[in-house]
């Protein structure tokens, strides 16, 4: 199988994995939490095989540029050993922390050959949005998610089912009534999660605007309009904030004065949101509490965050919903700093010409301050894949130019 096809498979598998696992576990009466890890098996197997092939095909050494990842791996093992959490909580924590890097590293290896057509992969990723958005709209209109398979899947994850028959996070509570109801079904599509889906929709919008694809301007506008309308129907505040960061606060092409004014207006509105909206306050407080309780080495893997709370191993109360709060709470200041340097190392390699891709990458991690789900693998796998492709494409281009120049001499 060509490397390019494997990359495409990884992307499509991570899109459809939740639906696939829901169908597999439906006949099982007593569900163990570990069974949900089945969706990670395909790309982790590919990752292991890629690592073995890399070692076999080269005189493998730890490159100076990759020392930070090796140090991070050693530290994760240390955090694993000091943790008193159950094995399922530990596995969930490891997945949460290293998942992005596993996908990034695997796709980097697979795309390090010049015969990998990165533009074709980008086009396939963009076009995949059409059936996925369509499935989401039809599923909501036809009430396809109101079935025992979906309920069984989420009951096994200890997620409540509301009176209407849907998982609790599928429903948005409105401050007003529409047709006599103050509830609305959120868009989730095949991701079965409105927050994850919102971030993937942002990812598609960025690819369309960065690569000007489709070539027809009217088609691009239609893609963006439909994607944005779908984001609104996910009711994902994180996705909307991410769009704001990418196209305004982080957009260096905008007038500096405009960016300053927008930033000040944002801070002003955010302050009032923090004072008057409990949900916003919980997200921010989660970050603050996690940082305050981090210490040098943290509480240990699986001891802090939403997963720890769900699995009964939480060591810090009132943490709320913050990826960075959870991360620092588990691996401490030392682990957190290693993690940040790892992210910076990748960010600096993304070509400056791809400004929107750089903004997408940075915004995904900034949103993690307020949302633990923003860096859930189902939210950020697209960013990991495309970052690896564009960085490796830049390296391949440099190698090609070096070889050409050497031959000419």
Foldseek 3Di string as FASTA:
>chain_A
DALLVVLLVVVVLLLQVLVVLLVVCLVPDQDDPCSSCVSVVPLVVLLVVLVVVVVVVDVDDQDPLRVLVVVLVVLQVVLAVLAPDDPSLQVVLCCLQCVLVSLLVSLLSSQLDPVNDLVVSLQVLLVVVVVQLVQQVVCQVVVVCQDSSNVVSVVNLVFDADPVRHGPQQKDAAPDDDPRGRIDGAGDGSVSHLQLLLLSLLVSLLSCVLVVPPVDPVVNVVSNVSSVVNSVRSVHPLSVVLNCQLPALQDPVDDPVRNVVVVVVVVVVLVVCCVPPPLQVLLQQLLVQLQVQLAAAANGGSQDADSVVSVVRHPDPSNGFAQNSRQSNSGNPNSSVSSVVVLVSLLVLQDVSSSSLSSSSVSLNVSNSRHSCSSNCSRCSSSSNSSSNRSSNVVSVVVVVVVVVVVVD
